[in-house]
Amino acid sequence: MSVDRSSSSSAVQLRDLARLRRVRDRIDREYEQPLDVEALARGVHMSAGHLSRQFRLAYGESPYAYLMTRRIERAMALLRRGDLSVTEVCFAVGCSSLGTFSTRFAELVGVPPSVYRREAAQTQVAGMPACLAKQVTRPIRNREAPATLSDLD
């Protein structure tokens, strides 16, 4: 009796997809914790290389890039509040290097965190719901900051 290879392959793909969702969910929940690809891979019984390749295929970016995007999103919310310094925000979202945090923040948002914090305080619209502010200011993935008017001229 022969095993249908396509159904066997589909089962493996579904199993891997479920594992990838668990990794993504863990990153969403534990973004402020020290996470690395090896630890994430061990948690779903995959090798780090296989996890990275499959995660990129499924979600368009590496697990590390996804983690940093989650951290930057949370950092943006904390910076908009205005009661924490950039350094405090950096550590609150799980980054251990202020330089790496600032560089990645600027890549995703288009301005350094200190500028973002200052501009957010100056342009805060009274009564804007947090859910709207989050959507309007969501970071852009894949290192693409939004174009400015001067870029379009």
Protein backbone atom coordinates (compact mmCIF):
# COMPACT_ATOMS: atom_id res chain seq x y z
CA MET A 1 0.00 0.00 0.00
CA SER A 2 1.52 3.33 -1.03
CA VAL A 3 1.17 6.54 0.92
CA ASP A 4 -0.12 9.53 -1.00
CA ARG A 5 2.87 11.90 -1.03
CA SER A 6 0.81 15.04 -1.59
CA SER A 7 -1.35 14.39 1.49
CA SER A 8 1.77 13.61 3.54
CA SER A 9 3.39 16.84 2.32
CA SER A 10 0.21 18.80 3.11
CA ALA A 11 0.16 17.40 6.63
CA VAL A 12 3.78 18.52 7.17
CA GLN A 13 2.97 21.98 5.83
CA LEU A 14 -0.05 22.31 8.10
CA ARG A 15 1.99 21.17 11.10
CA ASP A 16 4.71 23.70 10.27
CA LEU A 17 2.15 26.47 9.79
CA ALA A 18 0.65 25.73 13.21
CA ARG A 19 4.14 25.89 14.73
CA LEU A 20 4.82 29.21 13.00
CA ARG A 21 1.58 30.63 14.38
CA ARG A 22 2.65 29.55 17.86
CA VAL A 23 5.98 31.33 17.37
CA ARG A 24 4.26 34.49 16.10
CA ASP A 25 1.79 34.40 19.01
CA ARG A 26 4.63 33.95 21.49
CA ILE A 27 6.46 36.95 20.02
CA ASP A 28 3.25 39.02 20.26
CA ARG A 29 2.79 38.01 23.91
CA GLU A 30 6.40 38.08 25.12
CA TYR A 31 7.98 40.83 22.98
CA GLU A 32 9.48 42.48 26.09
CA GLN A 33 11.28 39.26 27.09
CA PRO A 34 14.73 38.32 25.80
CA LEU A 35 13.79 36.16 22.80
CA ASP A 36 16.11 34.70 20.19
CA VAL A 37 15.50 32.48 17.19
CA GLU A 38 17.13 29.46 18.84
CA ALA A 39 14.83 29.67 21.87
CA LEU A 40 11.77 30.21 19.69
CA ALA A 41 12.75 27.23 17.52
CA ARG A 42 13.31 24.96 20.54
CA GLY A 43 9.84 25.87 21.78
CA VAL A 44 8.25 24.40 18.63
CA HIS A 45 10.76 21.57 18.06
CA MET A 46 12.31 23.01 14.90
CA SER A 47 15.85 23.97 14.02
CA ALA A 48 16.60 27.69 14.06
CA GLY A 49 17.42 27.68 10.34
CA HIS A 50 14.22 25.88 9.38
CA LEU A 51 12.15 28.19 11.58
CA SER A 52 13.73 31.29 10.03
CA ARG A 53 13.21 30.07 6.46
CA GLN A 54 9.62 28.95 7.04
CA PHE A 55 8.71 32.07 9.03
CA ARG A 56 10.03 34.31 6.24
CA LEU A 57 8.06 32.32 3.64
CA ALA A 58 4.86 32.53 5.68
CA TYR A 59 5.06 36.11 6.96
CA GLY A 60 7.47 37.92 4.65
CA GLU A 61 10.11 38.69 7.27
CA SER A 62 12.39 36.93 9.70
CA PRO A 63 11.31 36.15 13.27
CA TYR A 64 13.78 38.79 14.51
CA ALA A 65 12.35 41.46 12.20
CA TYR A 66 8.83 40.57 13.34
CA LEU A 67 9.92 40.80 16.99
CA MET A 68 11.52 44.20 16.43
CA THR A 69 8.39 45.47 14.66
CA ARG A 70 6.28 44.45 17.67
CA ARG A 71 8.74 46.17 20.00
CA ILE A 72 8.76 49.36 17.92
CA GLU A 73 4.94 49.43 17.82
CA ARG A 74 4.83 49.26 21.61
CA ALA A 75 7.63 51.81 21.88
CA MET A 76 5.65 54.23 19.72
CA ALA A 77 2.70 53.99 22.10
CA LEU A 78 4.94 54.55 25.14
CA LEU A 79 6.68 57.50 23.49
CA ARG A 80 3.32 59.09 22.60
CA ARG A 81 2.40 58.96 26.30
CA GLY A 82 5.41 61.17 26.97
CA ASP A 83 6.10 60.13 30.57
CA LEU A 84 9.12 57.89 29.86
CA SER A 85 12.53 58.73 28.41
CA VAL A 86 13.71 57.06 25.22
CA THR A 87 16.10 54.92 27.27
CA GLU A 88 13.32 53.80 29.61
CA VAL A 89 11.12 52.93 26.62
CA CYS A 90 13.97 51.00 25.00
CA PHE A 91 14.34 48.73 28.02
CA ALA A 92 10.58 48.53 28.67
CA VAL A 93 10.00 46.94 25.25
CA GLY A 94 12.76 44.36 25.68
CA CYS A 95 15.66 45.92 23.81
CA SER A 96 19.02 45.70 25.49
CA SER A 97 20.88 48.15 23.22
CA LEU A 98 19.78 51.76 22.90
CA GLY A 99 21.77 52.07 19.66
CA THR A 100 20.09 49.07 18.00
CA PHE A 101 16.69 50.24 19.24
CA SER A 102 17.19 53.77 17.90
CA THR A 103 18.48 52.53 14.54
CA ARG A 104 15.63 50.08 14.03
CA PHE A 105 13.08 52.66 15.21
CA ALA A 106 14.35 55.20 12.67
CA GLU A 107 14.33 52.56 9.89
CA LEU A 108 10.69 51.64 10.56
CA VAL A 109 9.22 54.98 11.58
CA GLY A 110 11.35 57.40 9.59
CA VAL A 111 12.59 59.47 12.52
CA PRO A 112 14.66 58.69 15.63
CA PRO A 113 12.69 57.90 18.80
CA SER A 114 13.63 61.21 20.44
CA VAL A 115 12.22 63.17 17.48
CA TYR A 116 9.11 60.97 17.43
CA ARG A 117 8.55 61.59 21.16
CA ARG A 118 8.98 65.36 20.77
CA GLU A 119 6.72 65.56 17.68
CA ALA A 120 4.07 63.34 19.29
CA ALA A 121 3.92 65.67 22.29
CA GLN A 122 3.59 68.73 20.02
CA THR A 123 0.97 67.28 17.67
CA GLN A 124 -1.11 65.26 20.13
CA VAL A 125 -4.73 65.70 19.10
CA ALA A 126 -6.96 65.97 22.13
CA GLY A 127 -9.58 63.27 22.14
CA MET A 128 -8.04 61.10 19.39
CA PRO A 129 -8.85 57.51 20.32
CA ALA A 130 -5.77 55.39 21.04
CA CYS A 131 -6.89 52.83 18.45
CA LEU A 132 -6.89 55.53 15.74
CA ALA A 133 -3.53 56.92 16.83
CA LYS A 134 -2.08 53.41 16.72
CA GLN A 135 -3.39 52.80 13.18
CA VAL A 136 -2.24 56.17 11.84
CA THR A 137 1.25 55.81 13.32
CA ARG A 138 1.80 52.08 12.70
CA PRO A 139 5.41 51.38 11.65
CA ILE A 140 6.10 50.24 8.14
CA ARG A 141 7.90 46.92 7.76
CA ASN A 142 10.83 46.03 5.57
CA ARG A 143 12.77 49.19 6.40
CA GLU A 144 10.54 51.54 4.43
CA ALA A 145 9.86 54.83 6.12
CA PRO A 146 6.97 56.82 4.67
CA ALA A 147 7.82 59.24 1.89
CA THR A 148 7.83 62.92 2.83
CA LEU A 149 6.61 65.71 0.58
CA SER A 150 10.21 66.76 -0.13
CA ASP A 151 10.92 63.20 -1.36
CA LEU A 152 8.09 63.48 -3.86
CA ASP A 153 9.24 66.76 -5.45
